[in-house]
Amino acid sequence: MNRQIVHDPLFLALKSEPAAEGDAQVIADLLDTLKANLDRCVGMAANMIGVRKRIIVFCNGPMLMVMVNPQIVSAAGPYEAEEGCLSLPGVRKAKRYQKVTVKYLDRAFRQQTGTFEGFTAQIIQHEMDHCDGILI
């Protein structure tokens, strides 16, 4: 179900809790909401639809990916980026890494590890900041 986007900075500043298999509907709603906003958005975190769970979805090229309880295990190539956000107006500077390796659970809650570079790595870092209550 396509859900409304949360714009409340007080809610968005709260840290998210680990997700579990019982959160499968949150994943489905998050994907539906991202699909409905693809004209202006490339990634979302669950708190953007009002659910404080560590779940992110994002565009990886033409594919939509799901990461549950993601953790960056290594990062290389720091740089400063300017980013906008569907939840908050304006553009902000953020420290990002060109390459990140992430451990996460996939949509079927199987353990995965992946290495991502460039814009995809930037999207992942942005959405993970949402999970940590960091306003972007």
Protein backbone atom coordinates (compact mmCIF):
# COMPACT_ATOMS: atom_id res chain seq x y z
CA MET A 1 0.00 0.00 0.00
CA ASN A 2 1.29 3.44 -0.95
CA ARG A 3 1.66 5.30 2.36
CA GLN A 4 1.90 8.99 3.17
CA ILE A 5 5.38 10.49 3.56
CA VAL A 6 6.27 11.70 7.08
CA HIS A 7 7.63 15.25 7.25
CA ASP A 8 7.84 15.66 11.05
CA PRO A 9 11.53 16.24 11.96
CA LEU A 10 10.92 15.18 15.58
CA PHE A 11 9.69 11.75 14.46
CA LEU A 12 12.39 11.43 11.80
CA ALA A 13 15.08 12.18 14.42
CA LEU A 14 14.14 9.06 16.43
CA LYS A 15 16.35 5.99 15.95
CA SER A 16 14.71 2.99 14.35
CA GLU A 17 14.47 -0.43 15.98
CA PRO A 18 15.64 -3.71 14.42
CA ALA A 19 13.13 -5.26 12.03
CA ALA A 20 11.93 -8.87 12.15
CA GLU A 21 10.03 -11.26 9.89
CA GLY A 22 6.76 -9.90 11.26
CA ASP A 23 7.57 -6.63 9.45
CA ALA A 24 7.02 -8.09 5.97
CA GLN A 25 4.03 -5.78 5.37
CA VAL A 26 6.22 -2.76 6.14
CA ILE A 27 8.59 -3.90 3.38
CA ALA A 28 5.69 -4.24 0.93
CA ASP A 29 4.31 -0.81 1.84
CA LEU A 30 7.75 0.77 1.59
CA LEU A 31 8.28 -0.68 -1.89
CA ASP A 32 4.80 0.46 -3.00
CA THR A 33 5.48 3.96 -1.68
CA LEU A 34 8.88 4.14 -3.40
CA LYS A 35 7.32 2.98 -6.69
CA ALA A 36 4.68 5.70 -6.38
CA ASN A 37 7.41 8.32 -5.90
CA LEU A 38 10.06 7.18 -8.39
CA ASP A 39 9.66 10.41 -10.33
CA ARG A 40 11.24 12.28 -7.39
CA CYS A 41 12.86 9.69 -5.12
CA VAL A 42 15.46 6.88 -5.40
CA GLY A 43 15.34 5.45 -1.89
CA MET A 44 13.31 5.35 1.30
CA ALA A 45 13.61 4.25 4.91
CA ALA A 46 10.69 2.88 6.91
CA ASN A 47 10.51 5.92 9.18
CA MET A 48 9.60 7.98 6.11
CA ILE A 49 6.27 6.12 6.10
CA GLY A 50 5.84 6.33 9.86
CA VAL A 51 7.40 3.01 10.92
CA ARG A 52 10.50 3.07 13.14
CA LYS A 53 12.11 -0.11 11.80
CA ARG A 54 15.56 -0.57 10.24
CA ILE A 55 14.35 -1.23 6.71
CA ILE A 56 15.47 0.59 3.57
CA VAL A 57 14.52 0.25 -0.08
CA PHE A 58 16.31 1.86 -3.00
CA CYS A 59 17.00 1.82 -6.71
CA ASN A 60 20.03 -0.20 -7.73
CA GLY A 61 20.01 0.57 -11.42
CA PRO A 62 16.66 -0.66 -12.75
CA MET A 63 16.10 -2.98 -9.74
CA LEU A 64 14.50 -2.10 -6.42
CA MET A 65 16.43 -3.54 -3.48
CA VAL A 66 15.42 -4.20 0.11
CA MET A 67 17.80 -4.15 3.07
CA VAL A 68 16.61 -5.17 6.51
CA ASN A 69 18.81 -4.23 9.48
CA PRO A 70 21.68 -3.02 7.25
CA GLN A 71 25.13 -2.43 8.72
CA ILE A 72 28.06 -0.88 6.90
CA VAL A 73 31.07 -3.12 7.58
CA SER A 74 33.60 -1.17 5.51
CA ALA A 75 33.75 2.13 3.65
CA ALA A 76 36.33 3.81 1.42
CA GLY A 77 36.73 7.04 -0.50
CA PRO A 78 35.19 9.78 1.67
CA TYR A 79 33.70 12.81 -0.07
CA GLU A 80 31.18 15.56 0.60
CA ALA A 81 27.81 15.33 -1.15
CA GLU A 82 24.77 17.58 -1.38
CA GLU A 83 21.51 15.72 -0.96
CA GLY A 84 17.82 16.39 -1.00
CA CYS A 85 15.19 14.31 0.75
CA LEU A 86 11.54 13.54 0.12
CA SER A 87 10.79 14.02 3.84
CA LEU A 88 12.55 17.35 4.34
CA PRO A 89 12.74 20.51 2.22
CA GLY A 90 15.98 21.82 0.81
CA VAL A 91 19.43 20.39 0.19
CA ARG A 92 22.04 19.52 2.81
CA LYS A 93 25.70 18.56 2.83
CA ALA A 94 26.63 15.08 4.01
CA LYS A 95 29.85 13.11 4.34
CA ARG A 96 29.63 9.98 2.18
CA TYR A 97 31.89 7.19 0.99
CA GLN A 98 32.40 6.20 -2.64
CA LYS A 99 32.36 2.47 -1.78
CA VAL A 100 30.57 0.64 1.05
CA THR A 101 30.20 -3.01 2.02
CA VAL A 102 26.91 -3.74 3.76
CA LYS A 103 25.68 -6.75 5.75
CA TYR A 104 21.90 -7.02 5.69
CA LEU A 105 18.91 -9.32 5.50
CA ASP A 106 17.14 -9.51 2.16
CA ARG A 107 13.35 -9.48 1.70
CA ALA A 108 13.24 -13.21 2.56
CA PHE A 109 15.27 -12.47 5.74
CA ARG A 110 18.36 -14.29 4.45
CA GLN A 111 21.76 -12.90 5.43
CA GLN A 112 23.54 -11.09 2.59
CA THR A 113 26.68 -9.02 2.12
CA GLY A 114 27.12 -6.67 -0.80
CA THR A 115 29.57 -4.04 -1.97
CA PHE A 116 28.14 -0.93 -3.62
CA GLU A 117 29.80 2.03 -5.29
CA GLY A 118 29.00 5.50 -6.55
CA PHE A 119 25.44 6.79 -6.47
CA THR A 120 24.01 3.50 -5.16
CA ALA A 121 26.43 3.63 -2.20
CA GLN A 122 25.36 7.22 -1.56
CA ILE A 123 21.66 6.28 -1.54
CA ILE A 124 22.28 3.44 0.93
CA GLN A 125 24.18 5.75 3.27
CA HIS A 126 21.43 8.38 3.07
CA GLU A 127 18.70 5.86 3.93
CA MET A 128 20.78 4.33 6.72
CA ASP A 129 21.14 7.82 8.22
CA HIS A 130 17.33 7.89 8.37
CA CYS A 131 17.41 4.64 10.38
CA ASP A 132 19.85 6.26 12.80
CA GLY A 133 17.69 9.35 13.26
CA ILE A 134 20.13 11.56 11.37
CA LEU A 135 18.23 14.30 9.53
CA ILE A 136 19.55 14.68 6.04
